[in-house]
Amino acid sequence: MKQKKVCKNILMILAMLVFLFSWCSVAHAEENVLLKDMPIEEWEGEYVDIGGDEIEDSNGNHNSRNILEMCTISDTHVVYKLDGQYTRFSGKIVMDKTESIVINDTSLFFYINIGIYGDGRELYSKALLTKETEAQNFDIDVTGVGKLEIRSSGVGIFSLEEGIFTKAEQRIEPQTHVSLGDLKVVDSVNFAQRTSVQMDAFGGVHRGKQYFNNSMDTDTESYALYNLDLKYSSFSGKLMTDYIDNITSDNDCNMNVQIYLDDQLAFEQNGIGWNTEPVEANLNVTNTKIMKIRVVGKEGYLCVVDDSLKAHTPGDWEIVTEATCEKAGKSVRRCTECKAICNTAELKALEHTPGNWEIETEATCNAEGERKKYCTVCKKMCAEEMIPKLEHKEEDEWFEQEAPTCTSEGTRIKRCIYCGETVKTEQIAQTEHEFGKWTTVEGSVWNAPIVKNVHAMPVMQKK
């Protein structure tokens, strides 16, 4: 009985281990993305195939279906958007067993140069791979990479196999880097840009090059002016002579290089020749508008390779000048690292904020008044209007202006209670004559009326 119980417990433990192993396998798989499942942002070249059939290399090895196959006759490249969400990229590079590449009835020598770049910077490279080359394993750190490029040049077909991208636990914001080839060239003399993968005389592989041609047997000048437009904080690159098949030690190559930042000499290197090791240039280009690379020399082709400009990392907007009701303000974004101004924006002038009406002049019955509104912020007048005249308001009681008599009418008026002006006038009827006592005048008896305020002799009545 006890033995059965022990066996049952062992089976339960084994079942749990199988479950945990399965769960871990699934969890681990969820952290990775196969190369064939990764969407390509852009590609260029003679031939690109994703997730093709199982292939066999020239050494008889069979390889998986997780394949990115590329045919290189000139410049072939693919671009993946990683957006800072991966930490590693691993796989292997396998040469195709194709015997030869034939173009226009001409069989070309099989060779391939390969470079893998993160935001323009080299992460991995191999030069002069042939069809006999064994598979090349790689495991690259791609932490914080925004754009991954796989570039190749030469003549041949190769495959990227068993490619896996490892997901990051947390996305890292990619830093923006560009190459000189991404910038606008303002002016140049004896200058060209090469975009394909290039190999130098020392066997290094580079993502394009800036090419200065001073091939005359006397000193000549070549230069290029790049528009940096205040957008970058640092520049790095390598200076070297170009790889030329027919160069011999008899060539008197002597190249002198100067780099100017807004007409100020920031770097100088003299005496670069065919056998000179690559010379590194690292410059602070903060607040630089124009960068000029000038080459003076003879019998040489100078190249700038592995060039990279690090863009500023803008922080939050901050107000430098507050906007007012009448004047625009200004806000800027500064680089989080060097504090240089990355962006500038104008803050529109504010609209006035009118307050309540304020009476400047009271309206009367005879004249209009005036009222104004002032901005509550800047106190400037922002509105005004006239106040209509007031209506007269007459008094309730009449005012006798002239009393009537028995010989003439009187007048009465009503005045405006506001301004005192007469607004209504009426006539008052004459009063009746009022007769007095009889009076004897020269034997006659006359009854003369009592006249107040007599102006004319009244008509007498004879008795």
Protein backbone atom coordinates (compact mmCIF):
# COMPACT_ATOMS: atom_id res chain seq x y z
CA MET A 1 0.00 0.00 0.00
CA LYS A 2 2.79 2.38 0.94
CA GLN A 3 4.65 1.48 -2.28
CA LYS A 4 1.62 2.43 -4.42
CA LYS A 5 1.40 5.77 -2.63
CA VAL A 6 5.10 6.48 -3.30
CA CYS A 7 4.68 5.66 -7.01
CA LYS A 8 1.65 7.93 -7.21
CA ASN A 9 3.63 10.83 -5.69
CA ILE A 10 6.48 10.26 -8.15
CA LEU A 11 4.05 10.35 -11.07
CA MET A 12 2.56 13.59 -9.78
CA ILE A 13 6.00 15.18 -9.48
CA LEU A 14 6.90 14.07 -13.00
CA ALA A 15 3.64 15.51 -14.33
CA MET A 16 4.38 18.83 -12.63
CA LEU A 17 7.89 18.90 -14.08
CA VAL A 18 6.52 18.22 -17.57
CA PHE A 19 4.00 21.03 -17.13
CA LEU A 20 6.64 23.47 -15.89
CA PHE A 21 8.98 22.55 -18.73
CA SER A 22 6.19 23.07 -21.26
CA TRP A 23 5.18 26.37 -19.67
CA CYS A 24 8.76 27.63 -19.64
CA SER A 25 9.20 26.61 -23.27
CA VAL A 26 6.06 28.49 -24.28
CA ALA A 27 7.01 31.52 -22.16
CA HIS A 28 10.49 31.53 -23.65
CA ALA A 29 9.08 31.23 -27.17
CA GLU A 30 6.84 34.22 -26.55
CA GLU A 31 9.93 36.29 -25.76
CA ASN A 32 11.47 35.59 -29.19
CA VAL A 33 10.50 36.46 -32.75
CA LEU A 34 11.74 34.40 -35.68
CA LEU A 35 13.47 36.23 -38.49
CA LYS A 36 10.94 34.93 -41.03
CA ASP A 37 8.09 36.37 -38.96
CA MET A 38 9.63 39.82 -38.61
CA PRO A 39 8.08 42.31 -41.07
CA ILE A 40 10.54 44.04 -43.40
CA GLU A 41 10.18 47.82 -43.46
CA GLU A 42 12.01 48.23 -46.77
CA TRP A 43 14.31 46.31 -49.06
CA GLU A 44 16.37 46.87 -52.17
CA GLY A 45 18.30 44.48 -54.37
CA GLU A 46 18.18 41.88 -57.08
CA TYR A 47 16.48 39.19 -55.02
CA VAL A 48 15.17 38.77 -51.48
CA ASP A 49 13.25 35.70 -50.28
CA ILE A 50 11.76 35.23 -46.81
CA GLY A 51 11.15 31.88 -45.16
CA GLY A 52 12.19 29.84 -48.22
CA ASP A 53 12.58 26.08 -48.46
CA GLU A 54 15.36 24.18 -46.79
CA ILE A 55 18.62 24.80 -48.64
CA GLU A 56 21.97 23.10 -48.95
CA ASP A 57 25.26 24.99 -48.81
CA SER A 58 28.39 24.20 -50.82
CA ASN A 59 29.68 22.05 -47.97
CA GLY A 60 26.65 19.74 -48.09
CA ASN A 61 25.00 21.09 -44.93
CA HIS A 62 21.19 21.34 -44.83
CA ASN A 63 19.64 24.34 -43.11
CA SER A 64 16.30 25.28 -41.59
CA ARG A 65 13.32 27.00 -43.18
CA ASN A 66 13.75 30.12 -40.99
CA ILE A 67 15.61 31.78 -43.84
CA LEU A 68 16.21 35.23 -45.30
CA GLU A 69 17.84 34.64 -48.69
CA MET A 70 19.52 37.53 -50.51
CA CYS A 71 21.13 37.76 -53.93
CA THR A 72 23.92 40.32 -54.10
CA ILE A 73 24.95 41.68 -57.47
CA SER A 74 25.27 45.32 -56.53
CA ASP A 75 23.86 46.70 -53.28
CA THR A 76 21.22 44.67 -51.48
CA HIS A 77 19.76 45.57 -48.12
CA VAL A 78 16.75 44.95 -45.89
CA VAL A 79 15.55 47.12 -43.01
CA TYR A 80 13.72 46.02 -39.85
CA LYS A 81 12.05 48.34 -37.38
CA LEU A 82 13.06 47.20 -33.89
CA ASP A 83 11.93 50.37 -32.08
CA GLY A 84 14.02 49.58 -28.98
CA GLN A 85 11.95 46.46 -28.21
CA TYR A 86 14.68 43.81 -28.59
CA THR A 87 17.94 42.99 -26.87
CA ARG A 88 19.68 40.44 -29.12
CA PHE A 89 19.73 39.26 -32.73
CA SER A 90 21.35 35.89 -33.43
CA GLY A 91 21.65 33.52 -36.37
CA LYS A 92 24.12 32.38 -38.96
CA ILE A 93 25.22 33.43 -42.43
CA VAL A 94 25.35 30.63 -45.00
CA MET A 95 26.80 30.84 -48.52
CA ASP A 96 24.73 29.37 -51.35
CA LYS A 97 26.23 26.47 -53.31
CA THR A 98 25.67 28.30 -56.59
CA GLU A 99 28.63 27.61 -58.82
CA SER A 100 28.79 31.09 -60.34
CA ILE A 101 26.81 34.21 -61.17
CA VAL A 102 26.44 34.90 -64.88
CA ILE A 103 25.55 38.36 -66.18
CA ASN A 104 25.52 39.14 -69.90
CA ASP A 105 27.17 35.81 -70.63
CA THR A 106 30.00 36.65 -68.26
CA SER A 107 30.72 34.46 -65.25
CA LEU A 108 31.56 36.60 -62.22
CA PHE A 109 33.72 35.69 -59.25
CA PHE A 110 31.63 34.78 -56.18
CA TYR A 111 32.33 37.06 -53.22
CA ILE A 112 30.14 38.82 -50.67
CA ASN A 113 30.64 41.62 -48.12
CA ILE A 114 28.06 41.75 -45.31
CA GLY A 115 27.38 44.36 -42.66
CA ILE A 116 24.66 44.55 -39.98
CA TYR A 117 23.96 48.06 -38.68
CA GLY A 118 21.89 49.46 -35.84
CA ASP A 119 20.75 53.05 -36.46
CA GLY A 120 23.62 53.44 -38.93
CA ARG A 121 26.31 52.10 -36.59
CA GLU A 122 28.12 48.85 -37.31
CA LEU A 123 27.12 45.88 -35.15
CA TYR A 124 28.66 43.10 -37.25
CA SER A 125 30.56 42.77 -40.54
CA LYS A 126 32.36 40.18 -42.68
CA ALA A 127 34.33 40.80 -45.87
CA LEU A 128 35.10 38.65 -48.92
CA LEU A 129 32.95 35.64 -48.09
CA THR A 130 33.06 32.99 -50.85
CA LYS A 131 30.90 29.96 -51.55
CA GLU A 132 33.45 27.79 -49.74
CA THR A 133 33.17 29.86 -46.55
CA GLU A 134 31.76 27.94 -43.60
CA ALA A 135 28.57 29.18 -41.95
CA GLN A 136 29.24 32.28 -39.83
CA ASN A 137 27.40 32.37 -36.50
CA PHE A 138 26.60 35.73 -34.96
CA ASP A 139 24.98 36.99 -31.77
CA ILE A 140 24.52 40.78 -31.68
CA ASP A 141 23.47 43.16 -28.94
CA VAL A 142 20.60 45.26 -30.35
CA THR A 143 19.50 46.91 -27.10
CA GLY A 144 17.95 50.30 -27.80
CA VAL A 145 18.23 49.95 -31.59
CA GLY A 146 15.47 51.62 -33.57
CA LYS A 147 16.32 50.55 -37.13
CA LEU A 148 18.29 47.42 -38.03
CA GLU A 149 19.83 47.15 -41.51
CA ILE A 150 21.35 44.07 -43.15
CA ARG A 151 23.47 45.25 -46.09
CA SER A 152 25.56 43.39 -48.60
CA SER A 153 27.60 43.96 -51.74
CA GLY A 154 29.54 41.81 -54.15
CA VAL A 155 28.43 38.94 -56.38
CA GLY A 156 26.68 35.90 -54.94
CA ILE A 157 23.76 34.51 -52.95
CA PHE A 158 23.70 34.00 -49.20
CA SER A 159 21.14 33.24 -46.52
CA LEU A 160 20.55 34.45 -42.99
CA GLU A 161 19.29 31.38 -41.15
CA GLU A 162 17.98 30.48 -37.72
CA GLY A 163 17.58 34.18 -37.12
CA ILE A 164 15.98 35.08 -33.79
CA PHE A 165 15.17 38.42 -32.19
CA THR A 166 15.02 38.37 -28.40
CA LYS A 167 12.33 40.59 -26.91
CA ALA A 168 13.29 43.11 -24.21
CA GLU A 169 11.47 43.13 -20.91
CA GLN A 170 11.01 46.87 -21.31
CA ARG A 171 11.27 49.04 -24.39
CA ILE A 172 14.27 51.39 -24.51
CA GLU A 173 13.80 54.66 -26.37
CA PRO A 174 16.16 54.53 -29.37
CA GLN A 175 18.69 57.32 -29.78
CA THR A 176 18.61 58.96 -33.17
CA HIS A 177 21.75 58.59 -35.26
CA VAL A 178 22.21 59.53 -38.91
CA SER A 179 25.10 59.26 -41.31
CA LEU A 180 26.53 62.04 -43.44
CA GLY A 181 24.86 60.36 -46.39
CA ASP A 182 21.47 61.21 -44.85
CA LEU A 183 22.22 64.94 -44.79
CA LYS A 184 21.83 67.61 -47.44
CA VAL A 185 25.13 68.53 -49.07
CA VAL A 186 25.08 72.32 -49.46
CA ASP A 187 28.13 72.54 -51.73
CA SER A 188 30.94 70.27 -52.88
CA VAL A 189 33.97 69.98 -55.17
CA ASN A 190 35.53 66.68 -56.36
CA PHE A 191 33.19 64.80 -54.05
CA ALA A 192 30.75 61.88 -54.25
CA GLN A 193 28.76 59.65 -51.91
CA ARG A 194 28.68 55.88 -52.07
CA THR A 195 25.72 54.11 -50.47
CA SER A 196 26.62 50.45 -51.04
CA VAL A 197 28.64 48.37 -48.60
CA GLN A 198 32.33 49.18 -49.13
CA MET A 199 35.52 47.31 -48.24
CA ASP A 200 38.69 49.19 -47.36
CA ALA A 201 42.35 48.27 -47.92
CA PHE A 202 42.55 46.76 -44.43
CA GLY A 203 39.63 44.36 -44.96
CA GLY A 204 37.05 46.38 -43.07
CA VAL A 205 33.46 46.66 -44.26
CA HIS A 206 31.59 49.96 -44.12
CA ARG A 207 28.05 51.22 -44.70
CA GLY A 208 28.82 53.52 -47.63
CA LYS A 209 31.43 56.27 -47.68
CA GLN A 210 32.03 59.96 -48.29
CA TYR A 211 34.42 60.03 -51.23
CA PHE A 212 36.95 62.85 -51.85
CA ASN A 213 38.85 62.62 -55.15
CA ASN A 214 42.34 64.18 -55.21
CA SER A 215 43.80 61.92 -57.87
CA MET A 216 45.98 64.48 -59.66
CA ASP A 217 49.77 64.35 -59.40
CA THR A 218 49.76 67.87 -57.92
CA ASP A 219 47.96 69.14 -54.86
CA THR A 220 44.24 69.66 -55.45
CA GLU A 221 41.32 70.56 -53.18
CA SER A 222 38.10 68.68 -52.57
CA TYR A 223 35.43 69.45 -50.00
CA ALA A 224 31.81 68.95 -48.95
CA LEU A 225 29.54 71.19 -46.86
CA TYR A 226 26.84 69.44 -44.80
CA ASN A 227 23.77 71.13 -43.34
CA LEU A 228 23.60 70.11 -39.65
CA ASP A 229 20.91 72.68 -38.88
CA LEU A 230 21.67 72.69 -35.11
CA LYS A 231 20.14 69.21 -34.78
CA TYR A 232 23.12 67.16 -33.60
CA SER A 233 25.34 66.90 -30.55
CA SER A 234 28.32 64.80 -31.70
CA PHE A 235 30.04 63.48 -34.81
CA SER A 236 32.30 60.47 -35.18
CA GLY A 237 33.93 58.90 -38.20
CA LYS A 238 37.09 57.36 -39.62
CA LEU A 239 39.39 58.85 -42.25
CA MET A 240 41.29 56.59 -44.63
CA THR A 241 42.38 56.26 -48.23
CA ASP A 242 40.18 54.27 -50.56
CA TYR A 243 40.94 50.71 -51.62
CA ILE A 244 42.28 50.81 -55.19
CA ASP A 245 43.43 47.60 -56.92
CA ASN A 246 46.13 49.16 -59.08
CA ILE A 247 47.80 51.31 -56.40
CA THR A 248 51.49 50.57 -55.87
CA SER A 249 53.93 51.82 -53.30
CA ASP A 250 55.33 54.21 -55.92
CA ASN A 251 52.28 56.45 -55.64
CA ASP A 252 53.07 59.56 -53.66
CA CYS A 253 49.75 59.80 -51.79
CA ASN A 254 49.61 62.57 -49.22
CA MET A 255 46.21 63.75 -47.95
CA ASN A 256 45.62 66.58 -45.47
CA VAL A 257 42.15 66.83 -43.88
CA GLN A 258 40.48 69.70 -42.03
CA ILE A 259 36.99 69.72 -40.53
CA TYR A 260 35.32 73.10 -39.92
CA LEU A 261 32.29 73.77 -37.75
CA ASP A 262 30.67 77.02 -38.90
CA ASP A 263 34.00 78.20 -40.39
CA GLN A 264 35.95 77.37 -37.21
CA LEU A 265 38.69 74.75 -37.58
CA ALA A 266 37.79 71.89 -35.22
CA PHE A 267 39.93 69.01 -36.52
CA GLU A 268 43.08 68.59 -38.64
CA GLN A 269 45.08 65.56 -39.72
CA ASN A 270 47.96 65.72 -42.20
CA GLY A 271 49.90 63.08 -44.08
CA ILE A 272 47.30 60.36 -44.63
CA GLY A 273 48.71 57.88 -47.16
CA TRP A 274 47.93 54.48 -48.63
CA ASN A 275 49.31 52.59 -45.65
CA THR A 276 47.98 54.93 -42.95
CA GLU A 277 45.72 53.19 -40.42
CA PRO A 278 42.20 54.65 -40.16
CA VAL A 279 42.20 57.97 -38.29
CA GLU A 280 39.29 58.54 -35.90
CA ALA A 281 37.58 61.92 -35.64
CA ASN A 282 35.26 62.68 -32.73
CA LEU A 283 33.75 66.15 -32.50
CA ASN A 284 31.23 68.03 -30.41
CA VAL A 285 28.92 69.62 -32.98
CA THR A 286 26.40 71.19 -30.61
CA ASN A 287 24.96 74.43 -32.03
CA THR A 288 26.60 73.81 -35.41
CA LYS A 289 24.78 74.84 -38.58
CA ILE A 290 27.31 73.84 -41.26
CA MET A 291 30.08 71.24 -41.13
CA LYS A 292 32.76 71.32 -43.84
CA ILE A 293 35.20 68.53 -44.60
CA ARG A 294 38.12 69.78 -46.71
CA VAL A 295 40.84 67.59 -48.24
CA VAL A 296 44.04 68.92 -49.84
CA GLY A 297 46.51 66.51 -51.40
CA LYS A 298 47.50 64.46 -54.44
CA GLU A 299 47.49 60.93 -55.78
CA GLY A 300 44.74 59.79 -53.45
CA TYR A 301 41.07 59.10 -52.79
CA LEU A 302 40.18 59.91 -49.19
CA CYS A 303 37.09 58.40 -47.60
CA VAL A 304 35.10 59.14 -44.48
CA VAL A 305 33.56 55.89 -43.24
CA ASP A 306 31.64 54.67 -40.20
CA ASP A 307 30.37 58.23 -39.87
CA SER A 308 27.62 58.91 -37.38
CA LEU A 309 25.89 62.02 -36.14
CA LYS A 310 24.07 61.71 -32.84
CA ALA A 311 20.89 63.73 -32.79
CA HIS A 312 19.85 65.70 -29.75
CA THR A 313 17.33 64.06 -27.44
CA PRO A 314 14.66 66.73 -26.94
CA GLY A 315 13.18 67.13 -23.49
CA ASP A 316 9.87 68.73 -22.57
CA TRP A 317 8.84 72.15 -23.84
CA GLU A 318 9.78 75.01 -21.51
CA ILE A 319 8.65 78.61 -21.76
CA VAL A 320 11.43 81.14 -22.27
CA THR A 321 9.26 84.20 -22.88
CA GLU A 322 5.66 84.38 -21.79
CA ALA A 323 3.18 85.47 -24.42
CA THR A 324 1.32 88.67 -23.65
CA CYS A 325 -1.89 90.14 -25.04
CA GLU A 326 0.07 91.94 -27.77
CA LYS A 327 3.41 90.12 -28.14
CA ALA A 328 4.19 86.50 -29.01
CA GLY A 329 6.21 84.42 -26.56
CA LYS A 330 8.76 81.64 -27.12
CA SER A 331 9.20 78.10 -25.87
CA VAL A 332 12.10 75.70 -26.45
CA ARG A 333 13.01 72.05 -26.06
CA ARG A 334 16.52 71.38 -24.78
CA CYS A 335 18.56 68.25 -25.28
CA THR A 336 18.33 66.09 -22.17
CA GLU A 337 22.08 65.42 -22.37
CA CYS A 338 23.87 68.58 -23.54
CA LYS A 339 21.07 71.11 -22.83
CA ALA A 340 21.40 72.63 -26.29
CA ILE A 341 18.21 74.01 -27.80
CA CYS A 342 16.70 71.38 -30.11
CA ASN A 343 13.44 73.04 -31.09
CA THR A 344 11.98 76.52 -30.86
CA ALA A 345 8.31 77.38 -31.10
CA GLU A 346 6.42 80.65 -31.03
CA LEU A 347 3.66 81.13 -28.50
CA LYS A 348 0.86 83.09 -30.11
CA ALA A 349 -0.04 86.42 -28.58
CA LEU A 350 -2.94 86.06 -26.16
CA GLU A 351 -6.32 87.60 -26.86
CA HIS A 352 -7.36 90.41 -24.57
CA THR A 353 -9.58 89.43 -21.67
CA PRO A 354 -12.22 92.18 -21.45
CA GLY A 355 -13.54 93.15 -18.06
CA ASN A 356 -16.87 94.80 -17.27
CA TRP A 357 -18.04 98.04 -18.86
CA GLU A 358 -16.75 101.13 -17.10
CA ILE A 359 -18.63 104.43 -17.59
CA GLU A 360 -16.28 107.19 -18.66
CA THR A 361 -18.98 109.87 -19.24
CA GLU A 362 -22.53 109.65 -17.99
CA ALA A 363 -25.26 110.09 -20.61
CA THR A 364 -27.56 113.04 -20.15
CA CYS A 365 -30.75 114.23 -21.78
CA ASN A 366 -28.68 116.57 -23.96
CA ALA A 367 -25.58 114.53 -24.76
CA GLU A 368 -24.47 110.91 -25.29
CA GLY A 369 -22.31 109.24 -22.72
CA GLU A 370 -19.33 106.88 -23.18
CA ARG A 371 -18.29 103.55 -21.67
CA LYS A 372 -15.20 101.33 -22.12
CA LYS A 373 -13.92 97.84 -21.38
CA TYR A 374 -10.34 97.28 -20.26
CA CYS A 375 -8.32 94.02 -20.51
CA THR A 376 -8.08 92.40 -17.09
CA VAL A 377 -4.49 91.30 -17.91
CA CYS A 378 -2.73 94.24 -19.54
CA LYS A 379 -5.29 96.99 -18.66
CA LYS A 380 -5.37 98.19 -22.25
CA MET A 381 -8.73 99.40 -23.56
CA CYS A 382 -10.19 96.67 -25.76
CA ALA A 383 -13.72 98.01 -26.42
CA GLU A 384 -15.64 101.28 -26.26
CA GLU A 385 -19.10 102.49 -27.20
CA MET A 386 -21.38 105.48 -26.83
CA ILE A 387 -24.25 105.53 -24.37
CA PRO A 388 -27.48 106.89 -25.97
CA LYS A 389 -28.97 110.13 -24.69
CA LEU A 390 -31.44 109.79 -21.86
CA GLU A 391 -35.16 110.48 -22.45
CA HIS A 392 -36.43 113.63 -20.69
CA LYS A 393 -38.60 112.89 -17.71
CA GLU A 394 -41.11 115.62 -16.96
CA GLU A 395 -42.16 116.75 -13.52
CA ASP A 396 -45.43 115.57 -12.13
CA GLU A 397 -46.63 119.11 -11.26
CA TRP A 398 -47.05 122.07 -13.55
CA PHE A 399 -45.05 125.20 -12.85
CA GLU A 400 -46.80 128.48 -13.56
CA GLN A 401 -44.35 130.53 -15.49
CA GLU A 402 -46.67 133.53 -16.17
CA ALA A 403 -49.97 134.09 -14.43
CA PRO A 404 -53.03 134.84 -16.64
CA THR A 405 -54.94 138.08 -16.33
CA CYS A 406 -58.34 139.22 -17.50
CA THR A 407 -56.65 140.79 -20.50
CA SER A 408 -54.03 138.12 -21.40
CA GLU A 409 -53.33 134.41 -21.15
CA GLY A 410 -50.76 132.99 -18.81
CA THR A 411 -48.31 130.06 -19.33
CA ARG A 412 -47.33 127.01 -17.39
CA ILE A 413 -44.53 124.55 -17.97
CA LYS A 414 -43.18 121.18 -16.99
CA ARG A 415 -39.43 120.75 -16.74
CA CYS A 416 -37.17 117.63 -16.99
CA ILE A 417 -36.35 116.37 -13.57
CA TYR A 418 -32.82 115.48 -14.83
CA CYS A 419 -31.67 118.55 -16.68
CA GLY A 420 -34.29 121.22 -15.79
CA GLU A 421 -35.00 121.92 -19.44
CA THR A 422 -38.60 122.86 -20.31
CA VAL A 423 -40.18 119.88 -21.96
CA LYS A 424 -43.85 120.95 -22.05
CA THR A 425 -45.57 124.35 -22.23
CA GLU A 426 -49.28 125.18 -21.97
CA GLN A 427 -51.33 128.39 -22.13
CA ILE A 428 -53.47 129.41 -19.16
CA ALA A 429 -56.78 131.01 -20.14
CA GLN A 430 -57.52 134.70 -19.31
CA THR A 431 -59.39 135.28 -16.11
CA GLU A 432 -62.91 136.90 -15.94
CA HIS A 433 -63.21 140.64 -15.23
CA GLU A 434 -64.07 141.34 -11.64
CA PHE A 435 -66.29 144.46 -11.20
CA GLY A 436 -65.86 146.82 -8.26
CA LYS A 437 -68.27 149.42 -6.69
CA TRP A 438 -70.10 152.15 -8.63
CA THR A 439 -68.28 155.36 -9.07
CA THR A 440 -69.79 158.79 -10.08
CA VAL A 441 -67.83 160.56 -12.79
CA GLU A 442 -69.02 164.06 -13.84
CA GLY A 443 -72.68 163.43 -13.15
CA SER A 444 -72.65 159.93 -14.35
CA VAL A 445 -72.47 156.81 -12.42
CA TRP A 446 -70.00 154.25 -13.66
CA ASN A 447 -69.47 150.83 -12.48
CA ALA A 448 -65.77 150.23 -13.07
CA PRO A 449 -64.44 146.81 -12.76
CA ILE A 450 -61.69 145.99 -10.45
CA VAL A 451 -58.75 145.40 -12.66
CA LYS A 452 -55.61 143.90 -11.53
CA ASN A 453 -52.53 144.62 -13.49
CA VAL A 454 -54.45 146.96 -15.75
CA HIS A 455 -52.77 147.45 -19.10
CA ALA A 456 -55.64 149.20 -20.91
CA MET A 457 -58.57 151.31 -20.01
CA PRO A 458 -61.57 149.07 -19.49
CA VAL A 459 -64.91 149.69 -21.15
CA MET A 460 -67.12 151.59 -18.75
CA GLN A 461 -70.79 150.87 -18.36
CA LYS A 462 -73.08 153.97 -18.21
CA LYS A 463 -75.86 153.89 -15.66
